[in-house]
Each structure stands twice: as structure tokens, then as C-alpha cells.
Amino acid sequence: MHELAICESIVHAVREHAAGRPVRTVHLRIGNLRQVVPDTLIFCWSLVTDGSDLAEVELLVERIEGRIRCRQCHGERVLDDYVFACDRCGGVDVEVVAGEEFLITALELTEA
């Protein structure tokens, strides 16, 4: 369950950027190709923050669909089947253009 280690890293980043200010919500953007299970991540967040100053902080996860672009015909498609091939020409010389993101996009702070 690598989500536990991910949550520990998120806690470190949140504390660093919040700089002692109380946090209400952490917003994440995670690509589907990252192989992170959102429900597991949220569960691990509750384990990692339990009993700490971040115990009541909500973790909001925005999922980003995987998308590829063909280098031959420049066609794009959503990766809903993990087949890295172009729908238009059948080419396999493709690049991932979305779905590998893992970002903390915002911290919502509360009044002190």
C-alpha cells in the first residue's frame, strides 16, 4: 500500500507550505496512470493524520483521465483500456499527454 507513504509525503509538504497556519482542505490532482487508488489514499490520510493538527483536514482528489497522442497522425484518445495504440491509424508510436499528474494544487487555510 504505497498510498501510506504518499500520504506521509503530502503531510510533509502541507506542513511546509502552510507554515503553521491551520489547514481546512488539501486539493490533489492525480492522473489515472499513477496507479493510486483515491479511496485508499483518503483512508491512509486519516491514518497518517489521526491525532495530529491535520486530523480534521479534508483531502479532495481530482482524477485526470489518461490520454495519448499519436506521433504519426497526431490523433488523441482517452486511455480507458490501457492499450497504447492510436485509434485512427493503429500506430503504437504514441506519447502520454495526460494522466501522469500528481500535484497538490491548493491548500485551503482556516482563520487562526
PDB file of N, CA and C in Angstrom:
ATOM      1  N   MET A   1       0.848  -1.173   0.000  1.00  0.00           N
ATOM      2  CA  MET A   1       0.000   0.000   0.000  1.00  0.00           C
ATOM      3  C   MET A   1       0.895   1.237   0.000  1.00  0.00           C
ATOM      4  N   HIS A   2       1.323   1.652  -1.178  1.00  0.00           N
ATOM      5  CA  HIS A   2       2.193   2.815  -1.287  1.00  0.00           C
ATOM      6  C   HIS A   2       1.464   4.118  -0.988  1.00  0.00           C
ATOM      7  N   GLU A   3       0.152   4.074  -0.910  1.00  0.00           N
ATOM      8  CA  GLU A   3      -0.614   5.275  -0.573  1.00  0.00           C
ATOM      9  C   GLU A   3      -0.248   5.808   0.815  1.00  0.00           C
ATOM     10  N   LEU A   4       0.146   4.926   1.714  1.00  0.00           N
ATOM     11  CA  LEU A   4       0.544   5.359   3.053  1.00  0.00           C
ATOM     12  C   LEU A   4       1.789   6.243   2.985  1.00  0.00           C
ATOM     13  N   ALA A   5       2.774   5.813   2.223  1.00  0.00           N
ATOM     14  CA  ALA A   5       3.994   6.620   2.052  1.00  0.00           C
ATOM     15  C   ALA A   5       3.691   7.925   1.329  1.00  0.00           C
ATOM     16  N   ILE A   6       2.786   7.877   0.374  1.00  0.00           N
ATOM     17  CA  ILE A   6       2.392   9.093  -0.348  1.00  0.00           C
ATOM     18  C   ILE A   6       1.775  10.088   0.627  1.00  0.00           C
ATOM     19  N   CYS A   7       0.903   9.610   1.504  1.00  0.00           N
ATOM     20  CA  CYS A   7       0.259  10.499   2.483  1.00  0.00           C
ATOM     21  C   CYS A   7       1.274  11.121   3.425  1.00  0.00           C
ATOM     22  N   GLU A   8       2.281  10.365   3.808  1.00  0.00           N
ATOM     23  CA  GLU A   8       3.326  10.924   4.671  1.00  0.00           C
ATOM     24  C   GLU A   8       4.058  12.058   3.956  1.00  0.00           C
ATOM     25  N   SER A   9       4.294  11.899   2.668  1.00  0.00           N
ATOM     26  CA  SER A   9       4.926  12.963   1.882  1.00  0.00           C
ATOM     27  C   SER A   9       4.013  14.176   1.743  1.00  0.00           C
ATOM     28  N   ILE A  10       2.723  13.924   1.570  1.00  0.00           N
ATOM     29  CA  ILE A  10       1.758  15.024   1.476  1.00  0.00           C
ATOM     30  C   ILE A  10       1.731  15.806   2.785  1.00  0.00           C
ATOM     31  N   VAL A  11       1.717  15.107   3.913  1.00  0.00           N
ATOM     32  CA  VAL A  11       1.729  15.764   5.228  1.00  0.00           C
ATOM     33  C   VAL A  11       2.950  16.675   5.337  1.00  0.00           C
ATOM     34  N   HIS A  12       4.098  16.171   4.932  1.00  0.00           N
ATOM     35  CA  HIS A  12       5.327  16.976   4.999  1.00  0.00           C
ATOM     36  C   HIS A  12       5.186  18.243   4.149  1.00  0.00           C
ATOM     37  N   ALA A  13       4.696  18.100   2.928  1.00  0.00           N
ATOM     38  CA  ALA A  13       4.542  19.256   2.030  1.00  0.00           C
ATOM     39  C   ALA A  13       3.513  20.244   2.569  1.00  0.00           C
ATOM     40  N   VAL A  14       2.408  19.730   3.100  1.00  0.00           N
ATOM     41  CA  VAL A  14       1.362  20.604   3.648  1.00  0.00           C
ATOM     42  C   VAL A  14       1.908  21.404   4.814  1.00  0.00           C
ATOM     43  N   ARG A  15       2.606  20.756   5.718  1.00  0.00           N
ATOM     44  CA  ARG A  15       3.159  21.470   6.881  1.00  0.00           C
ATOM     45  C   ARG A  15       4.165  22.530   6.443  1.00  0.00           C
ATOM     46  N   GLU A  16       4.978  22.177   5.466  1.00  0.00           N
ATOM     47  CA  GLU A  16       5.984  23.133   4.980  1.00  0.00           C
ATOM     48  C   GLU A  16       5.329  24.365   4.365  1.00  0.00           C
ATOM     49  N   HIS A  17       4.318  24.165   3.533  1.00  0.00           N
ATOM     50  CA  HIS A  17       3.708  25.296   2.826  1.00  0.00           C
ATOM     51  C   HIS A  17       2.665  26.044   3.652  1.00  0.00           C
ATOM     52  N   ALA A  18       2.057  25.369   4.611  1.00  0.00           N
ATOM     53  CA  ALA A  18       1.098  26.052   5.478  1.00  0.00           C
ATOM     54  C   ALA A  18       1.821  26.921   6.504  1.00  0.00           C
ATOM     55  N   ALA A  19       3.050  26.569   6.797  1.00  0.00           N
ATOM     56  CA  ALA A  19       3.891  27.371   7.699  1.00  0.00           C
ATOM     57  C   ALA A  19       3.197  27.704   9.017  1.00  0.00           C
ATOM     58  N   GLY A  20       2.588  26.698   9.624  1.00  0.00           N
ATOM     59  CA  GLY A  20       1.963  26.878  10.923  1.00  0.00           C
ATOM     60  C   GLY A  20       0.531  27.376  10.890  1.00  0.00           C
ATOM     61  N   ARG A  21       0.048  27.766   9.718  1.00  0.00           N
ATOM     62  CA  ARG A  21      -1.336  28.229   9.604  1.00  0.00           C
ATOM     63  C   ARG A  21      -2.263  27.015   9.555  1.00  0.00           C
ATOM     64  N   PRO A  22      -3.456  27.097  10.154  1.00  0.00           N
ATOM     65  CA  PRO A  22      -4.384  25.963  10.144  1.00  0.00           C
ATOM     66  C   PRO A  22      -4.932  25.681   8.748  1.00  0.00           C
ATOM     67  N   VAL A  23      -4.986  24.415   8.399  1.00  0.00           N
ATOM     68  CA  VAL A  23      -5.417  23.977   7.071  1.00  0.00           C
ATOM     69  C   VAL A  23      -6.803  23.352   7.176  1.00  0.00           C
ATOM     70  N   ARG A  24      -7.667  23.661   6.213  1.00  0.00           N
ATOM     71  CA  ARG A  24      -9.006  23.081   6.155  1.00  0.00           C
ATOM     72  C   ARG A  24      -9.059  21.940   5.133  1.00  0.00           C
ATOM     73  N   THR A  25      -8.491  22.172   3.932  1.00  0.00           N
ATOM     74  CA  THR A  25      -8.611  21.215   2.839  1.00  0.00           C
ATOM     75  C   THR A  25      -7.321  21.177   2.029  1.00  0.00           C
ATOM     76  N   VAL A  26      -6.953  19.971   1.574  1.00  0.00           N
ATOM     77  CA  VAL A  26      -5.836  19.789   0.656  1.00  0.00           C
ATOM     78  C   VAL A  26      -6.419  19.291  -0.661  1.00  0.00           C
ATOM     79  N   HIS A  27      -6.136  20.010  -1.744  1.00  0.00           N
ATOM     80  CA  HIS A  27      -6.624  19.631  -3.071  1.00  0.00           C
ATOM     81  C   HIS A  27      -5.496  18.931  -3.832  1.00  0.00           C
ATOM     82  N   LEU A  28      -5.808  17.765  -4.384  1.00  0.00           N
ATOM     83  CA  LEU A  28      -4.843  16.996  -5.169  1.00  0.00           C
ATOM     84  C   LEU A  28      -5.379  16.777  -6.572  1.00  0.00           C
ATOM     85  N   ARG A  29      -4.475  16.702  -7.534  1.00  0.00           N
ATOM     86  CA  ARG A  29      -4.813  16.313  -8.907  1.00  0.00           C
ATOM     87  C   ARG A  29      -3.953  15.089  -9.207  1.00  0.00           C
ATOM     88  N   ILE A  30      -4.634  13.948  -9.469  1.00  0.00           N
ATOM     89  CA  ILE A  30      -3.914  12.689  -9.672  1.00  0.00           C
ATOM     90  C   ILE A  30      -4.365  12.051 -10.981  1.00  0.00           C
ATOM     91  N   GLY A  31      -3.403  11.761 -11.834  1.00  0.00           N
ATOM     92  CA  GLY A  31      -3.690  11.108 -13.101  1.00  0.00           C
ATOM     93  C   GLY A  31      -4.003   9.628 -12.917  1.00  0.00           C
ATOM     94  N   ASN A  32      -4.886   9.125 -13.764  1.00  0.00           N
ATOM     95  CA  ASN A  32      -5.272   7.708 -13.699  1.00  0.00           C
ATOM     96  C   ASN A  32      -4.104   6.761 -13.945  1.00  0.00           C
ATOM     97  N   LEU A  33      -3.060   7.225 -14.604  1.00  0.00           N
ATOM     98  CA  LEU A  33      -1.910   6.367 -14.877  1.00  0.00           C
ATOM     99  C   LEU A  33      -0.967   6.257 -13.689  1.00  0.00           C
ATOM    100  N   ARG A  34      -1.219   6.977 -12.630  1.00  0.00           N
ATOM    101  CA  ARG A  34      -0.395   6.956 -11.423  1.00  0.00           C
ATOM    102  C   ARG A  34      -0.636   5.725 -10.554  1.00  0.00           C
ATOM    103  N   GLN A  35      -1.646   4.984 -10.829  1.00  0.00           N
ATOM    104  CA  GLN A  35      -1.972   3.770 -10.069  1.00  0.00           C
ATOM    105  C   GLN A  35      -2.095   4.054  -8.570  1.00  0.00           C
ATOM    106  N   VAL A  36      -2.799   5.126  -8.278  1.00  0.00           N
ATOM    107  CA  VAL A  36      -3.137   5.480  -6.906  1.00  0.00           C
ATOM    108  C   VAL A  36      -4.641   5.320  -6.778  1.00  0.00           C
ATOM    109  N   VAL A  37      -5.070   4.589  -5.759  1.00  0.00           N
ATOM    110  CA  VAL A  37      -6.494   4.367  -5.523  1.00  0.00           C
ATOM    111  C   VAL A  37      -7.002   5.476  -4.601  1.00  0.00           C
ATOM    112  N   PRO A  38      -7.866   6.370  -5.112  1.00  0.00           N
ATOM    113  CA  PRO A  38      -8.308   7.509  -4.307  1.00  0.00           C
ATOM    114  C   PRO A  38      -8.895   7.134  -2.945  1.00  0.00           C
ATOM    115  N   ASP A  39      -9.754   6.124  -2.893  1.00  0.00           N
ATOM    116  CA  ASP A  39     -10.344   5.730  -1.608  1.00  0.00           C
ATOM    117  C   ASP A  39      -9.283   5.249  -0.623  1.00  0.00           C
ATOM    118  N   THR A  40      -8.298   4.525  -1.124  1.00  0.00           N
ATOM    119  CA  THR A  40      -7.205   4.054  -0.267  1.00  0.00           C
ATOM    120  C   THR A  40      -6.363   5.228   0.198  1.00  0.00           C
ATOM    121  N   LEU A  41      -6.115   6.186  -0.695  1.00  0.00           N
ATOM    122  CA  LEU A  41      -5.348   7.369  -0.331  1.00  0.00           C
ATOM    123  C   LEU A  41      -6.054   8.152   0.775  1.00  0.00           C
ATOM    124  N   ILE A  42      -7.350   8.326   0.647  1.00  0.00           N
ATOM    125  CA  ILE A  42      -8.125   9.061   1.657  1.00  0.00           C
ATOM    126  C   ILE A  42      -8.119   8.306   2.985  1.00  0.00           C
ATOM    127  N   PHE A  43      -8.242   6.977   2.939  1.00  0.00           N
ATOM    128  CA  PHE A  43      -8.172   6.173   4.160  1.00  0.00           C
ATOM    129  C   PHE A  43      -6.799   6.325   4.815  1.00  0.00           C
ATOM    130  N   CYS A  44      -5.745   6.226   4.028  1.00  0.00           N
ATOM    131  CA  CYS A  44      -4.394   6.369   4.569  1.00  0.00           C
ATOM    132  C   CYS A  44      -4.162   7.763   5.134  1.00  0.00           C
ATOM    133  N   TRP A  45      -4.757   8.771   4.494  1.00  0.00           N
ATOM    134  CA  TRP A  45      -4.667  10.142   5.012  1.00  0.00           C
ATOM    135  C   TRP A  45      -5.211  10.198   6.435  1.00  0.00           C
ATOM    136  N   SER A  46      -6.348   9.544   6.667  1.00  0.00           N
ATOM    137  CA  SER A  46      -6.934   9.553   8.009  1.00  0.00           C
ATOM    138  C   SER A  46      -6.021   8.838   9.008  1.00  0.00           C
ATOM    139  N   LEU A  47      -5.341   7.790   8.579  1.00  0.00           N
ATOM    140  CA  LEU A  47      -4.410   7.073   9.465  1.00  0.00           C
ATOM    141  C   LEU A  47      -3.195   7.930   9.799  1.00  0.00           C
ATOM    142  N   VAL A  48      -2.635   8.566   8.786  1.00  0.00           N
ATOM    143  CA  VAL A  48      -1.412   9.348   8.962  1.00  0.00           C
ATOM    144  C   VAL A  48      -1.657  10.608   9.786  1.00  0.00           C
ATOM    145  N   THR A  49      -2.831  11.201   9.652  1.00  0.00           N
ATOM    146  CA  THR A  49      -3.108  12.464  10.342  1.00  0.00           C
ATOM    147  C   THR A  49      -3.829  12.284  11.676  1.00  0.00           C
ATOM    148  N   ASP A  50      -4.274  11.081  11.991  1.00  0.00           N
ATOM    149  CA  ASP A  50      -5.020  10.825  13.227  1.00  0.00           C
ATOM    150  C   ASP A  50      -4.244  11.323  14.451  1.00  0.00           C
ATOM    151  N   GLY A  51      -4.909  12.117  15.269  1.00  0.00           N
ATOM    152  CA  GLY A  51      -4.299  12.633  16.497  1.00  0.00           C
ATOM    153  C   GLY A  51      -3.351  13.803  16.281  1.00  0.00           C
ATOM    154  N   SER A  52      -3.248  14.285  15.053  1.00  0.00           N
ATOM    155  CA  SER A  52      -2.344  15.405  14.779  1.00  0.00           C
ATOM    156  C   SER A  52      -3.157  16.672  14.507  1.00  0.00           C
ATOM    157  N   ASP A  53      -2.439  17.756  14.262  1.00  0.00           N
ATOM    158  CA  ASP A  53      -3.096  19.019  13.930  1.00  0.00           C
ATOM    159  C   ASP A  53      -3.784  18.963  12.561  1.00  0.00           C
ATOM    160  N   LEU A  54      -3.525  17.927  11.779  1.00  0.00           N
ATOM    161  CA  LEU A  54      -4.142  17.774  10.459  1.00  0.00           C
ATOM    162  C   LEU A  54      -5.289  16.760  10.460  1.00  0.00           C
ATOM    163  N   ALA A  55      -5.693  16.306  11.638  1.00  0.00           N
ATOM    164  CA  ALA A  55      -6.691  15.242  11.740  1.00  0.00           C
ATOM    165  C   ALA A  55      -8.025  15.600  11.086  1.00  0.00           C
ATOM    166  N   GLU A  56      -8.414  16.848  11.114  1.00  0.00           N
ATOM    167  CA  GLU A  56      -9.697  17.268  10.548  1.00  0.00           C
ATOM    168  C   GLU A  56      -9.586  17.795   9.120  1.00  0.00           C
ATOM    169  N   VAL A  57      -8.405  17.743   8.553  1.00  0.00           N
ATOM    170  CA  VAL A  57      -8.180  18.272   7.207  1.00  0.00           C
ATOM    171  C   VAL A  57      -8.746  17.301   6.175  1.00  0.00           C
ATOM    172  N   GLU A  58      -9.528  17.852   5.248  1.00  0.00           N
ATOM    173  CA  GLU A  58     -10.130  17.043   4.191  1.00  0.00           C
ATOM    174  C   GLU A  58      -9.175  16.947   3.012  1.00  0.00           C
ATOM    175  N   LEU A  59      -9.092  15.765   2.441  1.00  0.00           N
ATOM    176  CA  LEU A  59      -8.287  15.531   1.250  1.00  0.00           C
ATOM    177  C   LEU A  59      -9.247  15.390   0.073  1.00  0.00           C
ATOM    178  N   LEU A  60      -9.187  16.314  -0.888  1.00  0.00           N
ATOM    179  CA  LEU A  60     -10.041  16.267  -2.074  1.00  0.00           C
ATOM    180  C   LEU A  60      -9.199  15.873  -3.281  1.00  0.00           C
ATOM    181  N   VAL A  61      -9.614  14.809  -3.969  1.00  0.00           N
ATOM    182  CA  VAL A  61      -8.846  14.272  -5.084  1.00  0.00           C
ATOM    183  C   VAL A  61      -9.593  14.490  -6.396  1.00  0.00           C
ATOM    184  N   GLU A  62      -8.926  15.153  -7.325  1.00  0.00           N
ATOM    185  CA  GLU A  62      -9.442  15.313  -8.686  1.00  0.00           C
ATOM    186  C   GLU A  62      -8.690  14.320  -9.567  1.00  0.00           C
ATOM    187  N   ARG A  63      -9.422  13.433 -10.229  1.00  0.00           N
ATOM    188  CA  ARG A  63      -8.804  12.442 -11.113  1.00  0.00           C
ATOM    189  C   ARG A  63      -8.671  13.012 -12.527  1.00  0.00           C
ATOM    190  N   ILE A  64      -7.540  12.749 -13.161  1.00  0.00           N
ATOM    191  CA  ILE A  64      -7.286  13.184 -14.527  1.00  0.00           C
ATOM    192  C   ILE A  64      -7.187  11.934 -15.401  1.00  0.00           C
ATOM    193  N   GLU A  65      -8.001  11.893 -16.449  1.00  0.00           N
ATOM    194  CA  GLU A  65      -8.002  10.719 -17.321  1.00  0.00           C
ATOM    195  C   GLU A  65      -6.692  10.654 -18.106  1.00  0.00           C
ATOM    196  N   GLY A  66      -6.267   9.429 -18.400  1.00  0.00           N
ATOM    197  CA  GLY A  66      -5.086   9.232 -19.230  1.00  0.00           C
ATOM    198  C   GLY A  66      -5.427   9.506 -20.684  1.00  0.00           C
ATOM    199  N   ARG A  67      -4.517  10.189 -21.386  1.00  0.00           N
ATOM    200  CA  ARG A  67      -4.719  10.466 -22.809  1.00  0.00           C
ATOM    201  C   ARG A  67      -3.384  10.305 -23.526  1.00  0.00           C
ATOM    202  N   ILE A  68      -3.472   9.803 -24.752  1.00  0.00           N
ATOM    203  CA  ILE A  68      -2.276   9.661 -25.576  1.00  0.00           C
ATOM    204  C   ILE A  68      -2.450  10.412 -26.894  1.00  0.00           C
ATOM    205  N   ARG A  69      -1.316  10.722 -27.530  1.00  0.00           N
ATOM    206  CA  ARG A  69      -1.305  11.362 -28.851  1.00  0.00           C
ATOM    207  C   ARG A  69      -0.374  10.548 -29.735  1.00  0.00           C
ATOM    208  N   CYS A  70      -0.846  10.264 -30.937  1.00  0.00           N
ATOM    209  CA  CYS A  70      -0.075   9.521 -31.926  1.00  0.00           C
ATOM    210  C   CYS A  70       0.961  10.452 -32.554  1.00  0.00           C
ATOM    211  N   ARG A  71       2.182   9.994 -32.626  1.00  0.00           N
ATOM    212  CA  ARG A  71       3.240  10.804 -33.237  1.00  0.00           C
ATOM    213  C   ARG A  71       3.165  10.789 -34.762  1.00  0.00           C
ATOM    214  N   GLN A  72       2.436   9.828 -35.325  1.00  0.00           N
ATOM    215  CA  GLN A  72       2.306   9.760 -36.787  1.00  0.00           C
ATOM    216  C   GLN A  72       1.178  10.648 -37.293  1.00  0.00           C
ATOM    217  N   CYS A  73      -0.044  10.387 -36.830  1.00  0.00           N
ATOM    218  CA  CYS A  73      -1.202  11.114 -37.368  1.00  0.00           C
ATOM    219  C   CYS A  73      -1.686  12.219 -36.435  1.00  0.00           C
ATOM    220  N   HIS A  74      -1.095  12.321 -35.256  1.00  0.00           N
ATOM    221  CA  HIS A  74      -1.418  13.339 -34.249  1.00  0.00           C
ATOM    222  C   HIS A  74      -2.819  13.175 -33.653  1.00  0.00           C
ATOM    223  N   GLY A  75      -3.415  12.012 -33.831  1.00  0.00           N
ATOM    224  CA  GLY A  75      -4.707  11.735 -33.204  1.00  0.00           C
ATOM    225  C   GLY A  75      -4.542  11.564 -31.700  1.00  0.00           C
ATOM    226  N   GLU A  76      -5.543  11.976 -30.944  1.00  0.00           N
ATOM    227  CA  GLU A  76      -5.540  11.824 -29.487  1.00  0.00           C
ATOM    228  C   GLU A  76      -6.716  10.969 -29.070  1.00  0.00           C
ATOM    229  N   ARG A  77      -6.517  10.261 -27.962  1.00  0.00           N
ATOM    230  CA  ARG A  77      -7.619   9.485 -27.414  1.00  0.00           C
ATOM    231  C   ARG A  77      -7.434   9.280 -25.926  1.00  0.00           C
ATOM    232  N   VAL A  78      -8.571   9.031 -25.266  1.00  0.00           N
ATOM    233  CA  VAL A  78      -8.575   8.723 -23.843  1.00  0.00           C
ATOM    234  C   VAL A  78      -8.144   7.273 -23.673  1.00  0.00           C
ATOM    235  N   LEU A  79      -7.291   7.056 -22.685  1.00  0.00           N
ATOM    236  CA  LEU A  79      -6.834   5.698 -22.380  1.00  0.00           C
ATOM    237  C   LEU A  79      -7.792   5.069 -21.372  1.00  0.00           C
ATOM    238  N   ASP A  80      -8.840   4.453 -21.849  1.00  0.00           N
ATOM    239  CA  ASP A  80      -9.772   3.794 -20.940  1.00  0.00           C
ATOM    240  C   ASP A  80      -9.531   2.291 -20.903  1.00  0.00           C
ATOM    241  N   ASP A  81      -8.592   1.804 -21.708  1.00  0.00           N
ATOM    242  CA  ASP A  81      -8.347   0.371 -21.789  1.00  0.00           C
ATOM    243  C   ASP A  81      -6.869   0.010 -21.647  1.00  0.00           C
ATOM    244  N   TYR A  82      -6.026   0.997 -21.402  1.00  0.00           N
ATOM    245  CA  TYR A  82      -4.575   0.808 -21.262  1.00  0.00           C
ATOM    246  C   TYR A  82      -3.928   0.172 -22.487  1.00  0.00           C
ATOM    247  N   VAL A  83      -4.516   0.379 -23.655  1.00  0.00           N
ATOM    248  CA  VAL A  83      -3.911  -0.036 -24.917  1.00  0.00           C
ATOM    249  C   VAL A  83      -3.260   1.207 -25.507  1.00  0.00           C
ATOM    250  N   PHE A  84      -1.947   1.208 -25.562  1.00  0.00           N
ATOM    251  CA  PHE A  84      -1.209   2.366 -26.036  1.00  0.00           C
ATOM    252  C   PHE A  84      -1.037   2.297 -27.550  1.00  0.00           C
ATOM    253  N   ALA A  85      -2.155   2.439 -28.252  1.00  0.00           N
ATOM    254  CA  ALA A  85      -2.177   2.433 -29.712  1.00  0.00           C
ATOM    255  C   ALA A  85      -3.192   3.465 -30.183  1.00  0.00           C
ATOM    256  N   CYS A  86      -2.932   4.008 -31.358  1.00  0.00           N
ATOM    257  CA  CYS A  86      -3.794   5.037 -31.930  1.00  0.00           C
ATOM    258  C   CYS A  86      -5.079   4.420 -32.477  1.00  0.00           C
ATOM    259  N   ASP A  87      -6.196   5.050 -32.178  1.00  0.00           N
ATOM    260  CA  ASP A  87      -7.492   4.608 -32.714  1.00  0.00           C
ATOM    261  C   ASP A  87      -7.619   4.886 -34.212  1.00  0.00           C
ATOM    262  N   ARG A  88      -6.996   5.961 -34.680  1.00  0.00           N
ATOM    263  CA  ARG A  88      -7.112   6.361 -36.085  1.00  0.00           C
ATOM    264  C   ARG A  88      -6.298   5.470 -37.020  1.00  0.00           C
ATOM    265  N   CYS A  89      -4.972   5.416 -36.765  1.00  0.00           N
ATOM    266  CA  CYS A  89      -4.088   4.743 -37.716  1.00  0.00           C
ATOM    267  C   CYS A  89      -3.528   3.415 -37.207  1.00  0.00           C
ATOM    268  N   GLY A  90      -3.774   3.098 -35.943  1.00  0.00           N
ATOM    269  CA  GLY A  90      -3.269   1.850 -35.374  1.00  0.00           C
ATOM    270  C   GLY A  90      -1.814   1.916 -34.950  1.00  0.00           C
ATOM    271  N   GLY A  91      -1.195   3.093 -35.094  1.00  0.00           N
ATOM    272  CA  GLY A  91       0.213   3.246 -34.734  1.00  0.00           C
ATOM    273  C   GLY A  91       0.443   3.101 -33.234  1.00  0.00           C
ATOM    274  N   VAL A  92       1.642   2.638 -32.895  1.00  0.00           N
ATOM    275  CA  VAL A  92       1.988   2.472 -31.480  1.00  0.00           C
ATOM    276  C   VAL A  92       3.070   3.459 -31.032  1.00  0.00           C
ATOM    277  N   ASP A  93       3.464   4.352 -31.915  1.00  0.00           N
ATOM    278  CA  ASP A  93       4.414   5.406 -31.555  1.00  0.00           C
ATOM    279  C   ASP A  93       3.598   6.558 -30.984  1.00  0.00           C
ATOM    280  N   VAL A  94       3.289   6.452 -29.692  1.00  0.00           N
ATOM    281  CA  VAL A  94       2.415   7.420 -29.030  1.00  0.00           C
ATOM    282  C   VAL A  94       3.128   8.035 -27.837  1.00  0.00           C
ATOM    283  N   GLU A  95       2.610   9.176 -27.419  1.00  0.00           N
ATOM    284  CA  GLU A  95       3.114   9.821 -26.209  1.00  0.00           C
ATOM    285  C   GLU A  95       1.952  10.077 -25.259  1.00  0.00           C
ATOM    286  N   VAL A  96       2.226   9.969 -23.992  1.00  0.00           N
ATOM    287  CA  VAL A  96       1.222  10.264 -22.975  1.00  0.00           C
ATOM    288  C   VAL A  96       1.150  11.776 -22.827  1.00  0.00           C
ATOM    289  N   VAL A  97      -0.051  12.340 -22.959  1.00  0.00           N
ATOM    290  CA  VAL A  97      -0.221  13.793 -22.831  1.00  0.00           C
ATOM    291  C   VAL A  97      -0.995  14.176 -21.567  1.00  0.00           C
ATOM    292  N   ALA A  98      -1.591  13.207 -20.901  1.00  0.00           N
ATOM    293  CA  ALA A  98      -2.285  13.470 -19.636  1.00  0.00           C
ATOM    294  C   ALA A  98      -2.455  12.151 -18.899  1.00  0.00           C
ATOM    295  N   GLY A  99      -2.531  12.256 -17.585  1.00  0.00           N
ATOM    296  CA  GLY A  99      -2.790  11.080 -16.771  1.00  0.00           C
ATOM    297  C   GLY A  99      -1.645  10.684 -15.865  1.00  0.00           C
ATOM    298  N   GLU A 100      -0.511  11.373 -15.969  1.00  0.00           N
ATOM    299  CA  GLU A 100       0.623  11.062 -15.099  1.00  0.00           C
ATOM    300  C   GLU A 100       0.800  12.097 -13.980  1.00  0.00           C
ATOM    301  N   GLU A 101      -0.148  13.009 -13.861  1.00  0.00           N
ATOM    302  CA  GLU A 101      -0.056  14.082 -12.870  1.00  0.00           C
ATOM    303  C   GLU A 101      -0.143  13.532 -11.441  1.00  0.00           C
ATOM    304  N   PHE A 102       0.554  14.205 -10.555  1.00  0.00           N
ATOM    305  CA  PHE A 102       0.360  14.032  -9.117  1.00  0.00           C
ATOM    306  C   PHE A 102       0.786  15.347  -8.485  1.00  0.00           C
ATOM    307  N   LEU A 103      -0.201  16.186  -8.182  1.00  0.00           N
ATOM    308  CA  LEU A 103       0.077  17.536  -7.700  1.00  0.00           C
ATOM    309  C   LEU A 103      -0.804  17.908  -6.517  1.00  0.00           C
ATOM    310  N   ILE A 104      -0.215  18.607  -5.585  1.00  0.00           N
ATOM    311  CA  ILE A 104      -1.020  19.320  -4.594  1.00  0.00           C
ATOM    312  C   ILE A 104      -1.320  20.657  -5.263  1.00  0.00           C
ATOM    313  N   THR A 105      -2.573  20.879  -5.581  1.00  0.00           N
ATOM    314  CA  THR A 105      -2.933  22.081  -6.343  1.00  0.00           C
ATOM    315  C   THR A 105      -3.315  23.259  -5.459  1.00  0.00           C
ATOM    316  N   ALA A 106      -3.781  22.986  -4.240  1.00  0.00           N
ATOM    317  CA  ALA A 106      -4.185  24.094  -3.368  1.00  0.00           C
ATOM    318  C   ALA A 106      -4.299  23.616  -1.936  1.00  0.00           C
ATOM    319  N   LEU A 107      -4.076  24.553  -1.035  1.00  0.00           N
ATOM    320  CA  LEU A 107      -4.353  24.370   0.392  1.00  0.00           C
ATOM    321  C   LEU A 107      -5.384  25.421   0.769  1.00  0.00           C
ATOM    322  N   GLU A 108      -6.489  24.983   1.340  1.00  0.00           N
ATOM    323  CA  GLU A 108      -7.448  25.945   1.891  1.00  0.00           C
ATOM    324  C   GLU A 108      -7.121  26.116   3.355  1.00  0.00           C
ATOM    325  N   LEU A 109      -6.865  27.330   3.732  1.00  0.00           N
ATOM    326  CA  LEU A 109      -6.499  27.642   5.115  1.00  0.00           C
ATOM    327  C   LEU A 109      -7.727  28.158   5.860  1.00  0.00           C
ATOM    328  N   THR A 110      -7.724  27.984   7.172  1.00  0.00           N
ATOM    329  CA  THR A 110      -8.807  28.500   8.004  1.00  0.00           C
ATOM    330  C   THR A 110      -8.311  29.743   8.741  1.00  0.00           C
ATOM    331  N   GLU A 111      -9.252  30.469   9.282  1.00  0.00           N
ATOM    332  CA  GLU A 111      -8.896  31.617  10.118  1.00  0.00           C
ATOM    333  C   GLU A 111      -8.232  31.111  11.376  1.00  0.00           C
ATOM    334  N   ALA A 112      -7.194  31.786  11.791  1.00  0.00           N
ATOM    335  CA  ALA A 112      -6.442  31.373  13.005  1.00  0.00           C
ATOM    336  C   ALA A 112      -7.254  31.630  14.244  1.00  0.00           C
TER     337      ALA A 112
END
